[in-house]
Amino acid sequence: MELTINNTYFNWDLDLLKDVFPTHKIHQLVKDFVHSIDPEIKVHMSGDEFYCIISEKIINVPFVSDPEGDRLFHDFVLDKFGKSINPYIMGVLHEVFHIVTYDENLDKDRDILYFMLQLDFNEERYEEFTRMYFSIPSEFAATEGAVNYYLSHKEQCDNLIKEIGYEA
């Protein structure tokens, strides 16, 4: 790639940059993992939140973790499914399974229930609000799909966790 900034000419090999920026490596590892489940899903990496855009088959994987959100999600999975699973891999799989398990009726219900939860939201009840949010049927279905995938592909999932260095 060639670039000129302030009359200074730069020429570098993009493959070398991949080694300089570890987030690129993580992004590629996550993308390869997701494509092994569904090659049509696009993987973005930005910000500090997991989310998906179902209609465009896009998931977002954050650059940084949210320790409180990770703890709440981990505890919810442990409580409802009896499994202690790395919250990062669960976040990735949860977003993938929003797309895989998409049901238009459940998604409409999710929007209504989420709106109702927001009406009564306050910081003092953040943990309670989060647990109720995770229990919304479309959210629960995505989590259940993620847990089932993890359990049936444990070695593949654990290898990804090790490769990206997110062993919690």
N, C-alpha and C. Protein backbone atom coordinates (compact mmCIF):
# COMPACT_ATOMS: atom_id res chain seq x y z
N MET A 1 0.85 -1.17 0.00
CA MET A 1 0.00 0.00 0.00
C MET A 1 0.90 1.23 0.00
N GLU A 2 0.52 2.22 -0.75
CA GLU A 2 1.29 3.45 -0.83
C GLU A 2 0.44 4.61 -0.32
N LEU A 3 1.08 5.53 0.40
CA LEU A 3 0.37 6.64 0.99
C LEU A 3 1.33 7.81 1.15
N THR A 4 0.83 9.01 0.91
CA THR A 4 1.63 10.21 1.13
C THR A 4 0.93 11.08 2.16
N ILE A 5 1.64 11.43 3.23
CA ILE A 5 1.11 12.31 4.27
C ILE A 5 2.14 13.41 4.49
N ASN A 6 1.70 14.66 4.37
CA ASN A 6 2.60 15.81 4.55
C ASN A 6 3.88 15.64 3.73
N ASN A 7 3.73 15.29 2.47
CA ASN A 7 4.83 15.12 1.54
C ASN A 7 5.79 13.99 1.92
N THR A 8 5.38 13.12 2.84
CA THR A 8 6.20 11.96 3.19
C THR A 8 5.56 10.73 2.57
N TYR A 9 6.35 9.99 1.86
CA TYR A 9 5.87 8.82 1.13
C TYR A 9 6.03 7.57 2.00
N PHE A 10 4.95 6.80 2.11
CA PHE A 10 4.97 5.55 2.86
C PHE A 10 4.62 4.41 1.92
N ASN A 11 5.34 3.32 2.06
CA ASN A 11 5.03 2.11 1.30
C ASN A 11 5.21 0.94 2.26
N TRP A 12 4.15 0.19 2.49
CA TRP A 12 4.27 -0.94 3.39
C TRP A 12 3.43 -2.10 2.92
N ASP A 13 3.75 -3.23 3.47
CA ASP A 13 3.07 -4.47 3.16
C ASP A 13 1.94 -4.65 4.18
N LEU A 14 0.70 -4.75 3.70
CA LEU A 14 -0.43 -4.89 4.60
C LEU A 14 -0.34 -6.15 5.45
N ASP A 15 0.29 -7.20 4.94
CA ASP A 15 0.43 -8.42 5.74
C ASP A 15 1.28 -8.16 6.99
N LEU A 16 2.26 -7.25 6.88
CA LEU A 16 3.07 -6.92 8.05
C LEU A 16 2.23 -6.19 9.09
N LEU A 17 1.28 -5.36 8.64
CA LEU A 17 0.43 -4.63 9.57
C LEU A 17 -0.43 -5.57 10.40
N LYS A 18 -0.78 -6.71 9.82
CA LYS A 18 -1.61 -7.67 10.55
C LYS A 18 -0.92 -8.12 11.84
N ASP A 19 0.42 -8.20 11.80
CA ASP A 19 1.16 -8.61 12.99
C ASP A 19 1.28 -7.47 14.00
N VAL A 20 1.21 -6.24 13.51
CA VAL A 20 1.34 -5.08 14.38
C VAL A 20 0.05 -4.83 15.15
N PHE A 21 -1.07 -5.08 14.52
CA PHE A 21 -2.37 -4.81 15.12
C PHE A 21 -3.05 -6.12 15.51
N PRO A 22 -2.93 -6.54 16.77
CA PRO A 22 -3.50 -7.83 17.16
C PRO A 22 -5.01 -7.90 17.00
N THR A 23 -5.70 -6.76 17.02
CA THR A 23 -7.15 -6.80 16.85
C THR A 23 -7.51 -7.35 15.47
N HIS A 24 -6.64 -7.10 14.48
CA HIS A 24 -6.90 -7.65 13.16
C HIS A 24 -6.86 -9.18 13.22
N LYS A 25 -5.89 -9.71 13.95
CA LYS A 25 -5.78 -11.17 14.10
C LYS A 25 -7.01 -11.72 14.80
N ILE A 26 -7.43 -11.06 15.88
CA ILE A 26 -8.61 -11.51 16.61
C ILE A 26 -9.83 -11.46 15.70
N HIS A 27 -9.97 -10.37 14.97
CA HIS A 27 -11.10 -10.23 14.04
C HIS A 27 -11.12 -11.37 13.04
N GLN A 28 -9.96 -11.69 12.48
CA GLN A 28 -9.89 -12.76 11.49
C GLN A 28 -10.22 -14.12 12.11
N LEU A 29 -9.72 -14.37 13.31
CA LEU A 29 -10.02 -15.63 13.99
C LEU A 29 -11.52 -15.76 14.27
N VAL A 30 -12.13 -14.68 14.76
CA VAL A 30 -13.57 -14.71 15.04
C VAL A 30 -14.35 -14.86 13.75
N LYS A 31 -13.93 -14.16 12.70
CA LYS A 31 -14.62 -14.25 11.41
C LYS A 31 -14.56 -15.69 10.87
N ASP A 32 -13.40 -16.30 10.94
CA ASP A 32 -13.26 -17.69 10.47
C ASP A 32 -14.16 -18.62 11.29
N PHE A 33 -14.19 -18.41 12.60
CA PHE A 33 -15.04 -19.21 13.48
C PHE A 33 -16.52 -19.05 13.11
N VAL A 34 -16.96 -17.81 12.96
CA VAL A 34 -18.36 -17.55 12.62
C VAL A 34 -18.70 -18.13 11.26
N HIS A 35 -17.80 -18.00 10.30
CA HIS A 35 -18.05 -18.53 8.96
C HIS A 35 -18.13 -20.05 8.95
N SER A 36 -17.54 -20.71 9.95
CA SER A 36 -17.69 -22.16 10.04
C SER A 36 -19.12 -22.54 10.45
N ILE A 37 -19.84 -21.60 11.04
CA ILE A 37 -21.24 -21.81 11.42
C ILE A 37 -22.16 -21.37 10.29
N ASP A 38 -21.92 -20.16 9.77
CA ASP A 38 -22.73 -19.61 8.68
C ASP A 38 -21.85 -18.66 7.87
N PRO A 39 -21.43 -19.08 6.68
CA PRO A 39 -20.50 -18.26 5.88
C PRO A 39 -21.09 -16.94 5.40
N GLU A 40 -22.39 -16.75 5.52
CA GLU A 40 -23.01 -15.51 5.05
C GLU A 40 -22.99 -14.39 6.10
N ILE A 41 -22.68 -14.73 7.34
CA ILE A 41 -22.68 -13.72 8.39
C ILE A 41 -21.42 -12.86 8.29
N LYS A 42 -21.62 -11.55 8.29
CA LYS A 42 -20.50 -10.61 8.26
C LYS A 42 -20.14 -10.28 9.71
N VAL A 43 -18.84 -10.19 9.98
CA VAL A 43 -18.36 -9.93 11.33
C VAL A 43 -17.65 -8.58 11.35
N HIS A 44 -18.17 -7.67 12.15
CA HIS A 44 -17.52 -6.38 12.37
C HIS A 44 -16.90 -6.40 13.77
N MET A 45 -15.90 -5.57 13.95
CA MET A 45 -15.26 -5.47 15.26
C MET A 45 -15.11 -4.00 15.59
N SER A 46 -15.89 -3.56 16.60
CA SER A 46 -15.81 -2.16 16.99
C SER A 46 -16.43 -1.96 18.37
N GLY A 47 -16.06 -0.87 19.01
CA GLY A 47 -16.68 -0.46 20.25
C GLY A 47 -16.53 -1.43 21.40
N ASP A 48 -17.56 -1.40 22.27
CA ASP A 48 -17.50 -2.22 23.48
C ASP A 48 -18.77 -3.06 23.68
N GLU A 49 -19.51 -3.30 22.59
CA GLU A 49 -20.76 -4.06 22.71
C GLU A 49 -20.85 -5.16 21.65
N PHE A 50 -21.45 -6.26 22.07
CA PHE A 50 -21.89 -7.27 21.11
C PHE A 50 -23.26 -6.83 20.62
N TYR A 51 -23.50 -6.93 19.33
CA TYR A 51 -24.85 -6.72 18.80
C TYR A 51 -24.92 -7.32 17.41
N CYS A 52 -26.13 -7.40 16.89
CA CYS A 52 -26.27 -7.89 15.52
C CYS A 52 -27.32 -7.08 14.79
N ILE A 53 -27.22 -7.10 13.48
CA ILE A 53 -28.23 -6.53 12.59
C ILE A 53 -28.73 -7.71 11.78
N ILE A 54 -29.84 -8.26 12.24
CA ILE A 54 -30.35 -9.51 11.69
C ILE A 54 -30.62 -9.40 10.20
N SER A 55 -31.28 -8.32 9.79
CA SER A 55 -31.68 -8.17 8.39
C SER A 55 -30.49 -8.13 7.43
N GLU A 56 -29.32 -7.74 7.93
CA GLU A 56 -28.12 -7.66 7.09
C GLU A 56 -27.13 -8.79 7.38
N LYS A 57 -27.50 -9.67 8.31
CA LYS A 57 -26.63 -10.78 8.73
C LYS A 57 -25.25 -10.27 9.14
N ILE A 58 -25.28 -9.29 10.04
CA ILE A 58 -24.04 -8.69 10.56
C ILE A 58 -24.03 -8.88 12.07
N ILE A 59 -22.88 -9.31 12.60
CA ILE A 59 -22.68 -9.26 14.05
C ILE A 59 -21.51 -8.33 14.34
N ASN A 60 -21.57 -7.69 15.48
CA ASN A 60 -20.45 -6.87 15.93
C ASN A 60 -19.85 -7.51 17.17
N VAL A 61 -18.54 -7.59 17.16
CA VAL A 61 -17.76 -8.12 18.28
C VAL A 61 -16.95 -6.94 18.81
N PRO A 62 -16.99 -6.69 20.12
CA PRO A 62 -16.30 -5.52 20.65
C PRO A 62 -14.79 -5.66 20.72
N PHE A 63 -14.11 -4.50 20.70
CA PHE A 63 -12.67 -4.45 20.91
C PHE A 63 -12.34 -4.71 22.38
N VAL A 64 -13.17 -4.17 23.25
CA VAL A 64 -12.92 -4.27 24.69
C VAL A 64 -14.10 -4.96 25.36
N SER A 65 -13.82 -5.56 26.50
CA SER A 65 -14.89 -6.26 27.21
C SER A 65 -15.58 -5.33 28.19
N ASP A 66 -16.74 -5.77 28.61
CA ASP A 66 -17.52 -5.08 29.63
C ASP A 66 -17.59 -6.05 30.81
N PRO A 67 -16.70 -5.91 31.80
CA PRO A 67 -16.63 -6.90 32.88
C PRO A 67 -17.97 -7.13 33.59
N GLU A 68 -18.72 -6.07 33.83
CA GLU A 68 -20.01 -6.23 34.52
C GLU A 68 -21.01 -6.97 33.63
N GLY A 69 -21.08 -6.60 32.36
CA GLY A 69 -21.96 -7.29 31.42
C GLY A 69 -21.55 -8.75 31.25
N ASP A 70 -20.25 -9.00 31.17
CA ASP A 70 -19.74 -10.37 31.07
C ASP A 70 -20.17 -11.20 32.28
N ARG A 71 -20.03 -10.60 33.47
CA ARG A 71 -20.40 -11.32 34.69
C ARG A 71 -21.88 -11.65 34.72
N LEU A 72 -22.71 -10.67 34.36
CA LEU A 72 -24.16 -10.89 34.38
C LEU A 72 -24.58 -11.95 33.37
N PHE A 73 -23.98 -11.91 32.18
CA PHE A 73 -24.32 -12.90 31.16
C PHE A 73 -23.84 -14.28 31.59
N HIS A 74 -22.62 -14.36 32.11
CA HIS A 74 -22.08 -15.62 32.60
C HIS A 74 -22.99 -16.21 33.69
N ASP A 75 -23.39 -15.37 34.64
CA ASP A 75 -24.23 -15.84 35.74
C ASP A 75 -25.60 -16.28 35.25
N PHE A 76 -26.15 -15.59 34.25
CA PHE A 76 -27.44 -15.97 33.69
C PHE A 76 -27.33 -17.36 33.04
N VAL A 77 -26.28 -17.56 32.25
CA VAL A 77 -26.08 -18.86 31.59
C VAL A 77 -25.89 -19.96 32.63
N LEU A 78 -25.13 -19.67 33.65
CA LEU A 78 -24.90 -20.64 34.72
C LEU A 78 -26.22 -20.98 35.42
N ASP A 79 -27.02 -19.97 35.71
CA ASP A 79 -28.29 -20.18 36.41
C ASP A 79 -29.30 -20.94 35.56
N LYS A 80 -29.45 -20.54 34.30
CA LYS A 80 -30.50 -21.12 33.46
C LYS A 80 -30.10 -22.43 32.78
N PHE A 81 -28.81 -22.60 32.51
CA PHE A 81 -28.36 -23.78 31.76
C PHE A 81 -27.40 -24.66 32.56
N GLY A 82 -27.00 -24.20 33.74
CA GLY A 82 -26.10 -24.98 34.58
C GLY A 82 -24.70 -25.14 34.02
N LYS A 83 -24.30 -24.22 33.16
CA LYS A 83 -22.98 -24.30 32.53
C LYS A 83 -22.20 -23.02 32.75
N SER A 84 -20.91 -23.17 33.07
CA SER A 84 -20.02 -22.03 33.20
C SER A 84 -19.23 -21.94 31.89
N ILE A 85 -19.61 -20.99 31.06
CA ILE A 85 -19.01 -20.86 29.73
C ILE A 85 -18.41 -19.46 29.60
N ASN A 86 -17.24 -19.40 28.99
CA ASN A 86 -16.55 -18.13 28.76
C ASN A 86 -17.53 -17.10 28.16
N PRO A 87 -17.65 -15.92 28.79
CA PRO A 87 -18.62 -14.93 28.31
C PRO A 87 -18.30 -14.36 26.92
N TYR A 88 -17.02 -14.35 26.54
CA TYR A 88 -16.68 -13.82 25.21
C TYR A 88 -17.21 -14.75 24.12
N ILE A 89 -16.94 -16.04 24.25
CA ILE A 89 -17.41 -16.98 23.23
C ILE A 89 -18.93 -17.03 23.23
N MET A 90 -19.54 -16.90 24.42
CA MET A 90 -21.00 -16.86 24.49
C MET A 90 -21.54 -15.62 23.81
N GLY A 91 -20.84 -14.49 23.93
CA GLY A 91 -21.28 -13.26 23.27
C GLY A 91 -21.27 -13.42 21.76
N VAL A 92 -20.18 -14.00 21.25
CA VAL A 92 -20.07 -14.23 19.79
C VAL A 92 -21.20 -15.16 19.34
N LEU A 93 -21.32 -16.30 20.03
CA LEU A 93 -22.33 -17.29 19.63
C LEU A 93 -23.74 -16.75 19.80
N HIS A 94 -23.99 -16.00 20.85
CA HIS A 94 -25.32 -15.42 21.08
C HIS A 94 -25.74 -14.57 19.88
N GLU A 95 -24.84 -13.72 19.40
CA GLU A 95 -25.18 -12.86 18.26
C GLU A 95 -25.38 -13.68 16.99
N VAL A 96 -24.54 -14.69 16.79
CA VAL A 96 -24.72 -15.58 15.63
C VAL A 96 -26.08 -16.24 15.70
N PHE A 97 -26.46 -16.71 16.89
CA PHE A 97 -27.72 -17.44 17.00
C PHE A 97 -28.94 -16.53 17.01
N HIS A 98 -28.76 -15.23 17.16
CA HIS A 98 -29.87 -14.31 16.88
C HIS A 98 -30.25 -14.44 15.41
N ILE A 99 -29.24 -14.54 14.57
CA ILE A 99 -29.48 -14.65 13.12
C ILE A 99 -29.99 -16.04 12.78
N VAL A 100 -29.36 -17.06 13.33
CA VAL A 100 -29.71 -18.45 13.01
C VAL A 100 -31.12 -18.80 13.49
N THR A 101 -31.52 -18.29 14.66
CA THR A 101 -32.82 -18.65 15.24
C THR A 101 -33.88 -17.58 15.00
N TYR A 102 -33.62 -16.65 14.12
CA TYR A 102 -34.54 -15.53 13.91
C TYR A 102 -35.97 -16.00 13.66
N ASP A 103 -36.87 -15.39 14.37
CA ASP A 103 -38.31 -15.62 14.22
C ASP A 103 -38.96 -14.24 14.27
N GLU A 104 -39.63 -13.84 13.20
CA GLU A 104 -40.18 -12.49 13.10
C GLU A 104 -41.11 -12.17 14.28
N ASN A 105 -41.93 -13.13 14.68
CA ASN A 105 -42.86 -12.87 15.78
C ASN A 105 -42.11 -12.67 17.11
N LEU A 106 -41.11 -13.51 17.35
CA LEU A 106 -40.32 -13.34 18.58
C LEU A 106 -39.59 -12.00 18.58
N ASP A 107 -39.13 -11.58 17.41
CA ASP A 107 -38.40 -10.32 17.33
C ASP A 107 -39.33 -9.14 17.60
N LYS A 108 -40.56 -9.20 17.10
CA LYS A 108 -41.53 -8.13 17.40
C LYS A 108 -41.83 -8.10 18.89
N ASP A 109 -42.03 -9.28 19.47
CA ASP A 109 -42.26 -9.36 20.92
C ASP A 109 -41.08 -8.78 21.69
N ARG A 110 -39.86 -9.07 21.22
CA ARG A 110 -38.66 -8.57 21.87
C ARG A 110 -38.68 -7.05 21.92
N ASP A 111 -39.01 -6.42 20.79
CA ASP A 111 -39.03 -4.96 20.73
C ASP A 111 -40.04 -4.38 21.73
N ILE A 112 -41.21 -5.00 21.81
CA ILE A 112 -42.25 -4.51 22.73
C ILE A 112 -41.80 -4.71 24.18
N LEU A 113 -41.31 -5.91 24.50
CA LEU A 113 -40.87 -6.19 25.87
C LEU A 113 -39.69 -5.31 26.28
N TYR A 114 -38.76 -5.10 25.36
CA TYR A 114 -37.61 -4.25 25.65
C TYR A 114 -38.06 -2.82 25.93
N PHE A 115 -39.00 -2.33 25.14
CA PHE A 115 -39.55 -0.98 25.35
C PHE A 115 -40.19 -0.88 26.73
N MET A 116 -40.96 -1.91 27.11
CA MET A 116 -41.61 -1.90 28.42
C MET A 116 -40.58 -1.93 29.54
N LEU A 117 -39.52 -2.71 29.38
CA LEU A 117 -38.46 -2.75 30.40
C LEU A 117 -37.79 -1.39 30.54
N GLN A 118 -37.57 -0.72 29.42
CA GLN A 118 -36.90 0.58 29.46
C GLN A 118 -37.73 1.63 30.20
N LEU A 119 -39.05 1.50 30.13
CA LEU A 119 -39.91 2.47 30.82
C LEU A 119 -39.68 2.45 32.33
N ASP A 120 -39.31 1.30 32.85
CA ASP A 120 -39.14 1.14 34.29
C ASP A 120 -37.67 1.00 34.69
N PHE A 121 -36.75 1.32 33.78
CA PHE A 121 -35.32 1.12 34.03
C PHE A 121 -34.76 2.22 34.92
N ASN A 122 -33.88 1.80 35.84
CA ASN A 122 -33.03 2.75 36.56
C ASN A 122 -31.75 2.02 36.95
N GLU A 123 -30.69 2.77 37.13
CA GLU A 123 -29.37 2.18 37.40
C GLU A 123 -29.36 1.27 38.63
N GLU A 124 -30.17 1.59 39.62
CA GLU A 124 -30.19 0.78 40.83
C GLU A 124 -30.71 -0.62 40.56
N ARG A 125 -31.47 -0.77 39.48
CA ARG A 125 -32.05 -2.08 39.15
C ARG A 125 -31.40 -2.67 37.90
N TYR A 126 -30.17 -2.25 37.59
CA TYR A 126 -29.49 -2.69 36.37
C TYR A 126 -29.40 -4.22 36.28
N GLU A 127 -29.00 -4.86 37.36
CA GLU A 127 -28.85 -6.31 37.33
C GLU A 127 -30.19 -7.00 37.10
N GLU A 128 -31.22 -6.54 37.77
CA GLU A 128 -32.57 -7.11 37.59
C GLU A 128 -33.06 -6.89 36.16
N PHE A 129 -32.87 -5.66 35.66
CA PHE A 129 -33.26 -5.33 34.29
C PHE A 129 -32.55 -6.25 33.30
N THR A 130 -31.25 -6.47 33.51
CA THR A 130 -30.46 -7.29 32.59
C THR A 130 -30.95 -8.73 32.59
N ARG A 131 -31.25 -9.27 33.76
CA ARG A 131 -31.78 -10.64 33.83
C ARG A 131 -33.13 -10.75 33.11
N MET A 132 -33.98 -9.73 33.28
CA MET A 132 -35.27 -9.75 32.58
C MET A 132 -35.05 -9.67 31.07
N TYR A 133 -34.10 -8.83 30.67
CA TYR A 133 -33.79 -8.70 29.24
C TYR A 133 -33.32 -10.04 28.66
N PHE A 134 -32.42 -10.72 29.36
CA PHE A 134 -31.92 -12.02 28.89
C PHE A 134 -33.04 -13.06 28.80
N SER A 135 -34.13 -12.85 29.55
CA SER A 135 -35.24 -13.79 29.56
C SER A 135 -36.27 -13.53 28.46
N ILE A 136 -36.16 -12.42 27.74
CA ILE A 136 -37.07 -12.16 26.61
C ILE A 136 -36.91 -13.34 25.64
N PRO A 137 -38.02 -13.89 25.13
CA PRO A 137 -37.94 -15.12 24.33
C PRO A 137 -36.91 -15.12 23.20
N SER A 138 -36.78 -14.06 22.43
CA SER A 138 -35.79 -14.08 21.34
C SER A 138 -34.37 -14.05 21.89
N GLU A 139 -34.16 -13.35 23.01
CA GLU A 139 -32.84 -13.33 23.65
C GLU A 139 -32.52 -14.71 24.23
N PHE A 140 -33.52 -15.32 24.87
CA PHE A 140 -33.32 -16.64 25.45
C PHE A 140 -33.03 -17.67 24.37
N ALA A 141 -33.75 -17.59 23.24
CA ALA A 141 -33.54 -18.53 22.13
C ALA A 141 -32.12 -18.42 21.58
N ALA A 142 -31.62 -17.18 21.45
CA ALA A 142 -30.26 -16.98 20.95
C ALA A 142 -29.24 -17.54 21.95
N THR A 143 -29.49 -17.34 23.23
CA THR A 143 -28.58 -17.87 24.25
C THR A 143 -28.63 -19.39 24.29
N GLU A 144 -29.83 -19.96 24.20
CA GLU A 144 -29.97 -21.42 24.20
C GLU A 144 -29.26 -22.03 22.99
N GLY A 145 -29.41 -21.40 21.82
CA GLY A 145 -28.69 -21.88 20.63
C GLY A 145 -27.19 -21.80 20.83
N ALA A 146 -26.73 -20.72 21.45
CA ALA A 146 -25.30 -20.54 21.71
C ALA A 146 -24.77 -21.61 22.67
N VAL A 147 -25.51 -21.87 23.73
CA VAL A 147 -25.09 -22.89 24.70
C VAL A 147 -25.03 -24.26 24.03
N ASN A 148 -26.07 -24.60 23.27
CA ASN A 148 -26.10 -25.91 22.60
C ASN A 148 -24.96 -26.05 21.60
N TYR A 149 -24.66 -24.96 20.86
CA TYR A 149 -23.56 -25.01 19.91
C TYR A 149 -22.24 -25.21 20.66
N TYR A 150 -22.05 -24.43 21.72
CA TYR A 150 -20.82 -24.56 22.51
C TYR A 150 -20.64 -26.00 23.00
N LEU A 151 -21.69 -26.56 23.56
CA LEU A 151 -21.58 -27.91 24.12
C LEU A 151 -21.28 -28.96 23.06
N SER A 152 -21.80 -28.77 21.86
CA SER A 152 -21.56 -29.76 20.79
C SER A 152 -20.29 -29.47 19.99
N HIS A 153 -19.67 -28.30 20.21
CA HIS A 153 -18.44 -27.93 19.51
C HIS A 153 -17.43 -27.35 20.51
N LYS A 154 -17.38 -27.96 21.69
CA LYS A 154 -16.58 -27.43 22.79
C LYS A 154 -15.10 -27.25 22.42
N GLU A 155 -14.52 -28.23 21.77
CA GLU A 155 -13.10 -28.14 21.43
C GLU A 155 -12.83 -26.96 20.49
N GLN A 156 -13.66 -26.80 19.48
CA GLN A 156 -13.50 -25.68 18.53
C GLN A 156 -13.65 -24.34 19.26
N CYS A 157 -14.64 -24.24 20.13
CA CYS A 157 -14.88 -22.99 20.87
C CYS A 157 -13.72 -22.70 21.83
N ASP A 158 -13.29 -23.71 22.56
CA ASP A 158 -12.19 -23.51 23.51
C ASP A 158 -10.88 -23.15 22.79
N ASN A 159 -10.67 -23.70 21.60
CA ASN A 159 -9.49 -23.34 20.83
C ASN A 159 -9.52 -21.88 20.43
N LEU A 160 -10.69 -21.38 20.04
CA LEU A 160 -10.80 -19.96 19.69
C LEU A 160 -10.48 -19.09 20.91
N ILE A 161 -11.02 -19.45 22.05
CA ILE A 161 -10.77 -18.69 23.28
C ILE A 161 -9.26 -18.62 23.56
N LYS A 162 -8.58 -19.75 23.42
CA LYS A 162 -7.13 -19.78 23.65
C LYS A 162 -6.38 -18.95 22.61
N GLU A 163 -6.78 -19.08 21.34
CA GLU A 163 -6.08 -18.36 20.26
C GLU A 163 -6.17 -16.85 20.42
N ILE A 164 -7.32 -16.38 20.86
CA ILE A 164 -7.46 -14.92 20.99
C ILE A 164 -7.01 -14.43 22.36
N GLY A 165 -6.70 -15.36 23.27
CA GLY A 165 -6.18 -14.98 24.57
C GLY A 165 -7.23 -14.45 25.52
N TYR A 166 -8.45 -14.92 25.39
CA TYR A 166 -9.52 -14.46 26.27
C TYR A 166 -9.98 -15.61 27.18
N GLU A 167 -9.05 -16.09 27.97
CA GLU A 167 -9.41 -17.14 28.91
C GLU A 167 -9.77 -16.48 30.23
N ALA A 168 -11.08 -16.50 30.52
CA ALA A 168 -11.56 -15.83 31.73
C ALA A 168 -11.61 -16.80 32.88
